[in-house]
Amino acid sequence: MDAGTTLLGSLVACAGVLGAAVVAYLGKRGENALNGFSSLTDKLQSERDRLERQLAERDSRIVELSTLHAADQSEIARLRLDVHRLGGAP
């Protein structure tokens, strides 16, 4: 009976060690997956911020060009009036 108890105890201990190893392995895989997800999230956020900056710069440039266009159109209108006033045909 003493040898049987020792054998049973060692089998239970072996199963416990194997179970702990499996849990540790799965835990490490989960940790690696979480780190990968966090890294991907950080990359996506930095790309989003970069694209938002580019969009703001583009919008600023559009406003600047629209202002220049309006100034050009008013100058063209003024010059046409001058040509008409001086007797020419625009």
PDB file of N, CA and C in Angstrom:
ATOM      1  N   MET A   1       0.818  -1.181   0.000  1.00  0.00           N
ATOM      2  CA  MET A   1       0.000   0.000   0.000  1.00  0.00           C
ATOM      3  C   MET A   1       0.860   1.242   0.000  1.00  0.00           C
ATOM      4  N   ASP A   2       1.993   1.201   0.677  1.00  0.00           N
ATOM      5  CA  ASP A   2       2.875   2.367   0.740  1.00  0.00           C
ATOM      6  C   ASP A   2       3.422   2.697  -0.640  1.00  0.00           C
ATOM      7  N   ALA A   3       3.803   1.697  -1.438  1.00  0.00           N
ATOM      8  CA  ALA A   3       4.319   1.924  -2.786  1.00  0.00           C
ATOM      9  C   ALA A   3       3.207   2.428  -3.693  1.00  0.00           C
ATOM     10  N   GLY A   4       2.011   1.937  -3.528  1.00  0.00           N
ATOM     11  CA  GLY A   4       0.867   2.379  -4.328  1.00  0.00           C
ATOM     12  C   GLY A   4       0.513   3.834  -4.031  1.00  0.00           C
ATOM     13  N   THR A   5       0.568   4.215  -2.794  1.00  0.00           N
ATOM     14  CA  THR A   5       0.285   5.600  -2.411  1.00  0.00           C
ATOM     15  C   THR A   5       1.346   6.531  -2.975  1.00  0.00           C
ATOM     16  N   THR A   6       2.597   6.115  -2.911  1.00  0.00           N
ATOM     17  CA  THR A   6       3.689   6.921  -3.446  1.00  0.00           C
ATOM     18  C   THR A   6       3.540   7.073  -4.957  1.00  0.00           C
ATOM     19  N   LEU A   7       3.191   5.969  -5.621  1.00  0.00           N
ATOM     20  CA  LEU A   7       2.999   6.028  -7.074  1.00  0.00           C
ATOM     21  C   LEU A   7       1.833   6.939  -7.429  1.00  0.00           C
ATOM     22  N   LEU A   8       0.740   6.835  -6.715  1.00  0.00           N
ATOM     23  CA  LEU A   8      -0.422   7.679  -6.961  1.00  0.00           C
ATOM     24  C   LEU A   8      -0.081   9.143  -6.676  1.00  0.00           C
ATOM     25  N   GLY A   9       0.638   9.403  -5.626  1.00  0.00           N
ATOM     26  CA  GLY A   9       1.038  10.772  -5.280  1.00  0.00           C
ATOM     27  C   GLY A   9       1.945  11.366  -6.342  1.00  0.00           C
ATOM     28  N   SER A  10       2.872  10.586  -6.843  1.00  0.00           N
ATOM     29  CA  SER A  10       3.770  11.104  -7.872  1.00  0.00           C
ATOM     30  C   SER A  10       3.036  11.323  -9.186  1.00  0.00           C
ATOM     31  N   LEU A  11       2.047  10.472  -9.504  1.00  0.00           N
ATOM     32  CA  LEU A  11       1.253  10.696 -10.710  1.00  0.00           C
ATOM     33  C   LEU A  11       0.415  11.971 -10.599  1.00  0.00           C
ATOM     34  N   VAL A  12      -0.156  12.207  -9.436  1.00  0.00           N
ATOM     35  CA  VAL A  12      -0.940  13.429  -9.216  1.00  0.00           C
ATOM     36  C   VAL A  12      -0.018  14.649  -9.283  1.00  0.00           C
ATOM     37  N   ALA A  13       1.158  14.550  -8.715  1.00  0.00           N
ATOM     38  CA  ALA A  13       2.109  15.663  -8.754  1.00  0.00           C
ATOM     39  C   ALA A  13       2.549  15.936 -10.182  1.00  0.00           C
ATOM     40  N   CYS A  14       2.783  14.881 -10.950  1.00  0.00           N
ATOM     41  CA  CYS A  14       3.176  15.030 -12.360  1.00  0.00           C
ATOM     42  C   CYS A  14       2.067  15.699 -13.146  1.00  0.00           C
ATOM     43  N   ALA A  15       0.813  15.291 -12.910  1.00  0.00           N
ATOM     44  CA  ALA A  15      -0.321  15.907 -13.592  1.00  0.00           C
ATOM     45  C   ALA A  15      -0.432  17.377 -13.200  1.00  0.00           C
ATOM     46  N   GLY A  16      -0.189  17.692 -11.949  1.00  0.00           N
ATOM     47  CA  GLY A  16      -0.230  19.081 -11.487  1.00  0.00           C
ATOM     48  C   GLY A  16       0.837  19.923 -12.150  1.00  0.00           C
ATOM     49  N   VAL A  17       2.034  19.391 -12.262  1.00  0.00           N
ATOM     50  CA  VAL A  17       3.136  20.116 -12.908  1.00  0.00           C
ATOM     51  C   VAL A  17       2.820  20.335 -14.382  1.00  0.00           C
ATOM     52  N   LEU A  18       2.324  19.299 -15.061  1.00  0.00           N
ATOM     53  CA  LEU A  18       1.960  19.446 -16.469  1.00  0.00           C
ATOM     54  C   LEU A  18       0.834  20.458 -16.644  1.00  0.00           C
ATOM     55  N   GLY A  19      -0.142  20.420 -15.755  1.00  0.00           N
ATOM     56  CA  GLY A  19      -1.241  21.399 -15.803  1.00  0.00           C
ATOM     57  C   GLY A  19      -0.719  22.814 -15.615  1.00  0.00           C
ATOM     58  N   ALA A  20       0.194  23.008 -14.677  1.00  0.00           N
ATOM     59  CA  ALA A  20       0.770  24.333 -14.448  1.00  0.00           C
ATOM     60  C   ALA A  20       1.567  24.796 -15.657  1.00  0.00           C
ATOM     61  N   ALA A  21       2.272  23.874 -16.301  1.00  0.00           N
ATOM     62  CA  ALA A  21       3.048  24.226 -17.493  1.00  0.00           C
ATOM     63  C   ALA A  21       2.122  24.655 -18.631  1.00  0.00           C
ATOM     64  N   VAL A  22       0.999  23.949 -18.796  1.00  0.00           N
ATOM     65  CA  VAL A  22       0.042  24.306 -19.838  1.00  0.00           C
ATOM     66  C   VAL A  22      -0.563  25.678 -19.557  1.00  0.00           C
ATOM     67  N   VAL A  23      -0.922  25.929 -18.312  1.00  0.00           N
ATOM     68  CA  VAL A  23      -1.489  27.232 -17.943  1.00  0.00           C
ATOM     69  C   VAL A  23      -0.474  28.340 -18.179  1.00  0.00           C
ATOM     70  N   ALA A  24       0.781  28.115 -17.820  1.00  0.00           N
ATOM     71  CA  ALA A  24       1.821  29.124 -18.036  1.00  0.00           C
ATOM     72  C   ALA A  24       2.024  29.378 -19.526  1.00  0.00           C
ATOM     73  N   TYR A  25       2.005  28.319 -20.321  1.00  0.00           N
ATOM     74  CA  TYR A  25       2.174  28.458 -21.769  1.00  0.00           C
ATOM     75  C   TYR A  25       1.028  29.271 -22.371  1.00  0.00           C
ATOM     76  N   LEU A  26      -0.191  28.923 -21.998  1.00  0.00           N
ATOM     77  CA  LEU A  26      -1.352  29.645 -22.519  1.00  0.00           C
ATOM     78  C   LEU A  26      -1.357  31.094 -22.031  1.00  0.00           C
ATOM     79  N   GLY A  27      -0.946  31.314 -20.806  1.00  0.00           N
ATOM     80  CA  GLY A  27      -0.870  32.677 -20.276  1.00  0.00           C
ATOM     81  C   GLY A  27       0.141  33.508 -21.039  1.00  0.00           C
ATOM     82  N   LYS A  28       1.274  32.921 -21.368  1.00  0.00           N
ATOM     83  CA  LYS A  28       2.302  33.646 -22.123  1.00  0.00           C
ATOM     84  C   LYS A  28       1.801  33.952 -23.529  1.00  0.00           C
ATOM     85  N   ARG A  29       1.093  33.008 -24.138  1.00  0.00           N
ATOM     86  CA  ARG A  29       0.532  33.272 -25.469  1.00  0.00           C
ATOM     87  C   ARG A  29      -0.450  34.433 -25.408  1.00  0.00           C
ATOM     88  N   GLY A  30      -1.279  34.454 -24.383  1.00  0.00           N
ATOM     89  CA  GLY A  30      -2.231  35.550 -24.217  1.00  0.00           C
ATOM     90  C   GLY A  30      -1.528  36.875 -24.008  1.00  0.00           C
ATOM     91  N   GLU A  31      -0.451  36.845 -23.231  1.00  0.00           N
ATOM     92  CA  GLU A  31       0.327  38.067 -23.003  1.00  0.00           C
ATOM     93  C   GLU A  31       0.946  38.559 -24.302  1.00  0.00           C
ATOM     94  N   ASN A  32       1.499  37.647 -25.090  1.00  0.00           N
ATOM     95  CA  ASN A  32       2.081  38.025 -26.382  1.00  0.00           C
ATOM     96  C   ASN A  32       1.017  38.595 -27.319  1.00  0.00           C
ATOM     97  N   ALA A  33      -0.161  37.994 -27.316  1.00  0.00           N
ATOM     98  CA  ALA A  33      -1.248  38.494 -28.163  1.00  0.00           C
ATOM     99  C   ALA A  33      -1.665  39.892 -27.718  1.00  0.00           C
ATOM    100  N   LEU A  34      -1.731  40.113 -26.414  1.00  0.00           N
ATOM    101  CA  LEU A  34      -2.113  41.430 -25.895  1.00  0.00           C
ATOM    102  C   LEU A  34      -1.068  42.473 -26.240  1.00  0.00           C
ATOM    103  N   ASN A  35       0.215  42.107 -26.126  1.00  0.00           N
ATOM    104  CA  ASN A  35       1.279  43.043 -26.493  1.00  0.00           C
ATOM    105  C   ASN A  35       1.227  43.367 -27.987  1.00  0.00           C
ATOM    106  N   GLY A  36       0.965  42.365 -28.808  1.00  0.00           N
ATOM    107  CA  GLY A  36       0.846  42.594 -30.248  1.00  0.00           C
ATOM    108  C   GLY A  36      -0.330  43.499 -30.569  1.00  0.00           C
ATOM    109  N   PHE A  37      -1.444  43.291 -29.882  1.00  0.00           N
ATOM    110  CA  PHE A  37      -2.620  44.133 -30.085  1.00  0.00           C
ATOM    111  C   PHE A  37      -2.338  45.568 -29.661  1.00  0.00           C
ATOM    112  N   SER A  38      -1.659  45.741 -28.531  1.00  0.00           N
ATOM    113  CA  SER A  38      -1.324  47.088 -28.057  1.00  0.00           C
ATOM    114  C   SER A  38      -0.394  47.783 -29.040  1.00  0.00           C
ATOM    115  N   SER A  39       0.570  47.060 -29.565  1.00  0.00           N
ATOM    116  CA  SER A  39       1.502  47.632 -30.534  1.00  0.00           C
ATOM    117  C   SER A  39       0.767  48.047 -31.799  1.00  0.00           C
ATOM    118  N   LEU A  40      -0.117  47.204 -32.268  1.00  0.00           N
ATOM    119  CA  LEU A  40      -0.901  47.524 -33.465  1.00  0.00           C
ATOM    120  C   LEU A  40      -1.780  48.741 -33.220  1.00  0.00           C
ATOM    121  N   THR A  41      -2.395  48.814 -32.057  1.00  0.00           N
ATOM    122  CA  THR A  41      -3.234  49.961 -31.714  1.00  0.00           C
ATOM    123  C   THR A  41      -2.412  51.241 -31.699  1.00  0.00           C
ATOM    124  N   ASP A  42      -1.214  51.197 -31.119  1.00  0.00           N
ATOM    125  CA  ASP A  42      -0.344  52.379 -31.088  1.00  0.00           C
ATOM    126  C   ASP A  42       0.030  52.825 -32.499  1.00  0.00           C
ATOM    127  N   LYS A  43       0.340  51.865 -33.363  1.00  0.00           N
ATOM    128  CA  LYS A  43       0.693  52.203 -34.747  1.00  0.00           C
ATOM    129  C   LYS A  43      -0.483  52.836 -35.473  1.00  0.00           C
ATOM    130  N   LEU A  44      -1.667  52.283 -35.282  1.00  0.00           N
ATOM    131  CA  LEU A  44      -2.858  52.830 -35.932  1.00  0.00           C
ATOM    132  C   LEU A  44      -3.171  54.239 -35.441  1.00  0.00           C
ATOM    133  N   GLN A  45      -2.989  54.476 -34.151  1.00  0.00           N
ATOM    134  CA  GLN A  45      -3.250  55.806 -33.608  1.00  0.00           C
ATOM    135  C   GLN A  45      -2.242  56.825 -34.135  1.00  0.00           C
ATOM    136  N   SER A  46      -0.987  56.432 -34.253  1.00  0.00           N
ATOM    137  CA  SER A  46       0.006  57.370 -34.781  1.00  0.00           C
ATOM    138  C   SER A  46      -0.250  57.644 -36.257  1.00  0.00           C
ATOM    139  N   GLU A  47      -0.683  56.629 -37.008  1.00  0.00           N
ATOM    140  CA  GLU A  47      -1.009  56.840 -38.416  1.00  0.00           C
ATOM    141  C   GLU A  47      -2.230  57.746 -38.549  1.00  0.00           C
ATOM    142  N   ARG A  48      -3.216  57.541 -37.686  1.00  0.00           N
ATOM    143  CA  ARG A  48      -4.405  58.400 -37.702  1.00  0.00           C
ATOM    144  C   ARG A  48      -4.019  59.851 -37.405  1.00  0.00           C
ATOM    145  N   ASP A  49      -3.158  60.075 -36.418  1.00  0.00           N
ATOM    146  CA  ASP A  49      -2.715  61.427 -36.082  1.00  0.00           C
ATOM    147  C   ASP A  49      -1.973  62.072 -37.250  1.00  0.00           C
ATOM    148  N   ARG A  50      -1.132  61.298 -37.918  1.00  0.00           N
ATOM    149  CA  ARG A  50      -0.384  61.812 -39.069  1.00  0.00           C
ATOM    150  C   ARG A  50      -1.345  62.198 -40.196  1.00  0.00           C
ATOM    151  N   LEU A  51      -2.333  61.362 -40.448  1.00  0.00           N
ATOM    152  CA  LEU A  51      -3.305  61.657 -41.498  1.00  0.00           C
ATOM    153  C   LEU A  51      -4.168  62.864 -41.138  1.00  0.00           C
ATOM    154  N   GLU A  52      -4.493  63.025 -39.861  1.00  0.00           N
ATOM    155  CA  GLU A  52      -5.248  64.203 -39.437  1.00  0.00           C
ATOM    156  C   GLU A  52      -4.438  65.475 -39.650  1.00  0.00           C
ATOM    157  N   ARG A  53      -3.129  65.419 -39.377  1.00  0.00           N
ATOM    158  CA  ARG A  53      -2.263  66.587 -39.624  1.00  0.00           C
ATOM    159  C   ARG A  53      -2.222  66.906 -41.113  1.00  0.00           C
ATOM    160  N   GLN A  54      -2.084  65.872 -41.950  1.00  0.00           N
ATOM    161  CA  GLN A  54      -2.057  66.094 -43.395  1.00  0.00           C
ATOM    162  C   GLN A  54      -3.375  66.695 -43.879  1.00  0.00           C
ATOM    163  N   LEU A  55      -4.473  66.232 -43.321  1.00  0.00           N
ATOM    164  CA  LEU A  55      -5.784  66.750 -43.698  1.00  0.00           C
ATOM    165  C   LEU A  55      -5.925  68.215 -43.300  1.00  0.00           C
ATOM    166  N   ALA A  56      -5.452  68.571 -42.118  1.00  0.00           N
ATOM    167  CA  ALA A  56      -5.512  69.961 -41.667  1.00  0.00           C
ATOM    168  C   ALA A  56      -4.646  70.851 -42.559  1.00  0.00           C
ATOM    169  N   GLU A  57      -3.458  70.359 -42.943  1.00  0.00           N
ATOM    170  CA  GLU A  57      -2.589  71.123 -43.836  1.00  0.00           C
ATOM    171  C   GLU A  57      -3.249  71.303 -45.202  1.00  0.00           C
ATOM    172  N   ARG A  58      -3.884  70.259 -45.686  1.00  0.00           N
ATOM    173  CA  ARG A  58      -4.564  70.343 -46.978  1.00  0.00           C
ATOM    174  C   ARG A  58      -5.707  71.346 -46.922  1.00  0.00           C
ATOM    175  N   ASP A  59      -6.488  71.299 -45.848  1.00  0.00           N
ATOM    176  CA  ASP A  59      -7.602  72.239 -45.701  1.00  0.00           C
ATOM    177  C   ASP A  59      -7.100  73.669 -45.629  1.00  0.00           C
ATOM    178  N   SER A  60      -5.996  73.871 -44.926  1.00  0.00           N
ATOM    179  CA  SER A  60      -5.403  75.202 -44.843  1.00  0.00           C
ATOM    180  C   SER A  60      -4.962  75.682 -46.217  1.00  0.00           C
ATOM    181  N   ARG A  61      -4.366  74.804 -46.986  1.00  0.00           N
ATOM    182  CA  ARG A  61      -3.912  75.153 -48.343  1.00  0.00           C
ATOM    183  C   ARG A  61      -5.109  75.462 -49.242  1.00  0.00           C
ATOM    184  N   ILE A  62      -6.203  74.729 -49.096  1.00  0.00           N
ATOM    185  CA  ILE A  62      -7.407  74.987 -49.887  1.00  0.00           C
ATOM    186  C   ILE A  62      -7.957  76.374 -49.573  1.00  0.00           C
ATOM    187  N   VAL A  63      -7.983  76.743 -48.293  1.00  0.00           N
ATOM    188  CA  VAL A  63      -8.465  78.064 -47.904  1.00  0.00           C
ATOM    189  C   VAL A  63      -7.563  79.141 -48.503  1.00  0.00           C
ATOM    190  N   GLU A  64      -6.253  78.918 -48.425  1.00  0.00           N
ATOM    191  CA  GLU A  64      -5.297  79.885 -48.982  1.00  0.00           C
ATOM    192  C   GLU A  64      -5.509  80.046 -50.492  1.00  0.00           C
ATOM    193  N   LEU A  65      -5.649  78.946 -51.205  1.00  0.00           N
ATOM    194  CA  LEU A  65      -5.851  79.005 -52.651  1.00  0.00           C
ATOM    195  C   LEU A  65      -7.197  79.628 -53.020  1.00  0.00           C
ATOM    196  N   SER A  66      -8.219  79.371 -52.214  1.00  0.00           N
ATOM    197  CA  SER A  66      -9.524  79.985 -52.454  1.00  0.00           C
ATOM    198  C   SER A  66      -9.444  81.498 -52.298  1.00  0.00           C
ATOM    199  N   THR A  67      -8.698  81.959 -51.313  1.00  0.00           N
ATOM    200  CA  THR A  67      -8.507  83.396 -51.109  1.00  0.00           C
ATOM    201  C   THR A  67      -7.774  84.007 -52.295  1.00  0.00           C
ATOM    202  N   LEU A  68      -6.724  83.326 -52.760  1.00  0.00           N
ATOM    203  CA  LEU A  68      -5.988  83.818 -53.927  1.00  0.00           C
ATOM    204  C   LEU A  68      -6.876  83.834 -55.171  1.00  0.00           C
ATOM    205  N   HIS A  69      -7.712  82.825 -55.327  1.00  0.00           N
ATOM    206  CA  HIS A  69      -8.610  82.750 -56.471  1.00  0.00           C
ATOM    207  C   HIS A  69      -9.597  83.926 -56.450  1.00  0.00           C
ATOM    208  N   ALA A  70     -10.158  84.198 -55.277  1.00  0.00           N
ATOM    209  CA  ALA A  70     -11.098  85.315 -55.154  1.00  0.00           C
ATOM    210  C   ALA A  70     -10.402  86.641 -55.475  1.00  0.00           C
ATOM    211  N   ALA A  71      -9.164  86.803 -55.000  1.00  0.00           N
ATOM    212  CA  ALA A  71      -8.409  88.027 -55.298  1.00  0.00           C
ATOM    213  C   ALA A  71      -8.143  88.134 -56.801  1.00  0.00           C
ATOM    214  N   ASP A  72      -7.789  87.018 -57.427  1.00  0.00           N
ATOM    215  CA  ASP A  72      -7.549  87.024 -58.877  1.00  0.00           C
ATOM    216  C   ASP A  72      -8.823  87.381 -59.641  1.00  0.00           C
ATOM    217  N   GLN A  73      -9.934  86.824 -59.230  1.00  0.00           N
ATOM    218  CA  GLN A  73     -11.201  87.107 -59.913  1.00  0.00           C
ATOM    219  C   GLN A  73     -11.590  88.578 -59.780  1.00  0.00           C
ATOM    220  N   SER A  74     -11.363  89.155 -58.602  1.00  0.00           N
ATOM    221  CA  SER A  74     -11.689  90.584 -58.444  1.00  0.00           C
ATOM    222  C   SER A  74     -10.733  91.446 -59.278  1.00  0.00           C
ATOM    223  N   GLU A  75      -9.486  91.052 -59.380  1.00  0.00           N
ATOM    224  CA  GLU A  75      -8.521  91.795 -60.217  1.00  0.00           C
ATOM    225  C   GLU A  75      -8.905  91.691 -61.689  1.00  0.00           C
ATOM    226  N   ILE A  76      -9.331  90.518 -62.128  1.00  0.00           N
ATOM    227  CA  ILE A  76      -9.768  90.340 -63.513  1.00  0.00           C
ATOM    228  C   ILE A  76     -10.991  91.223 -63.791  1.00  0.00           C
ATOM    229  N   ALA A  77     -11.938  91.247 -62.862  1.00  0.00           N
ATOM    230  CA  ALA A  77     -13.133  92.075 -63.034  1.00  0.00           C
ATOM    231  C   ALA A  77     -12.752  93.554 -63.106  1.00  0.00           C
ATOM    232  N   ARG A  78     -11.822  93.970 -62.257  1.00  0.00           N
ATOM    233  CA  ARG A  78     -11.371  95.359 -62.268  1.00  0.00           C
ATOM    234  C   ARG A  78     -10.705  95.710 -63.592  1.00  0.00           C
ATOM    235  N   LEU A  79      -9.868  94.820 -64.091  1.00  0.00           N
ATOM    236  CA  LEU A  79      -9.186  95.068 -65.357  1.00  0.00           C
ATOM    237  C   LEU A  79     -10.176  95.093 -66.526  1.00  0.00           C
ATOM    238  N   ARG A  80     -11.185  94.251 -66.502  1.00  0.00           N
ATOM    239  CA  ARG A  80     -12.197  94.276 -67.552  1.00  0.00           C
ATOM    240  C   ARG A  80     -12.950  95.609 -67.555  1.00  0.00           C
ATOM    241  N   LEU A  81     -13.251  96.075 -66.349  1.00  0.00           N
ATOM    242  CA  LEU A  81     -13.908  97.382 -66.268  1.00  0.00           C
ATOM    243  C   LEU A  81     -13.019  98.486 -66.828  1.00  0.00           C
ATOM    244  N   ASP A  82     -11.722  98.417 -66.510  1.00  0.00           N
ATOM    245  CA  ASP A  82     -10.780  99.413 -67.041  1.00  0.00           C
ATOM    246  C   ASP A  82     -10.712  99.339 -68.573  1.00  0.00           C
ATOM    247  N   VAL A  83     -10.668  98.121 -69.099  1.00  0.00           N
ATOM    248  CA  VAL A  83     -10.619  97.964 -70.565  1.00  0.00           C
ATOM    249  C   VAL A  83     -11.891  98.523 -71.178  1.00  0.00           C
ATOM    250  N   HIS A  84     -13.023  98.215 -70.578  1.00  0.00           N
ATOM    251  CA  HIS A  84     -14.303  98.716 -71.096  1.00  0.00           C
ATOM    252  C   HIS A  84     -14.367 100.251 -70.995  1.00  0.00           C
ATOM    253  N   ARG A  85     -13.911 100.791 -69.880  1.00  0.00           N
ATOM    254  CA  ARG A  85     -13.913 102.225 -69.652  1.00  0.00           C
ATOM    255  C   ARG A  85     -13.028 102.927 -70.662  1.00  0.00           C
ATOM    256  N   LEU A  86     -11.938 102.290 -71.040  1.00  0.00           N
ATOM    257  CA  LEU A  86     -11.013 102.908 -72.012  1.00  0.00           C
ATOM    258  C   LEU A  86     -11.444 102.683 -73.457  1.00  0.00           C
ATOM    259  N   GLY A  87     -12.578 101.996 -73.647  1.00  0.00           N
ATOM    260  CA  GLY A  87     -13.122 101.856 -74.994  1.00  0.00           C
ATOM    261  C   GLY A  87     -12.749 100.580 -75.703  1.00  0.00           C
ATOM    262  N   GLY A  88     -12.143  99.650 -75.024  1.00  0.00           N
ATOM    263  CA  GLY A  88     -11.761  98.385 -75.649  1.00  0.00           C
ATOM    264  C   GLY A  88     -12.800  97.322 -75.428  1.00  0.00           C
ATOM    265  N   ALA A  89     -12.600  96.191 -76.053  1.00  0.00           N
ATOM    266  CA  ALA A  89     -13.486  95.042 -75.862  1.00  0.00           C
ATOM    267  C   ALA A  89     -12.736  93.962 -75.095  1.00  0.00           C
ATOM    268  N   PRO A  90     -13.308  93.531 -74.019  1.00  0.00           N
ATOM    269  CA  PRO A  90     -12.601  92.531 -73.197  1.00  0.00           C
ATOM    270  C   PRO A  90     -12.529  91.175 -73.839  1.00  0.00           C
TER     271      PRO A  90
END
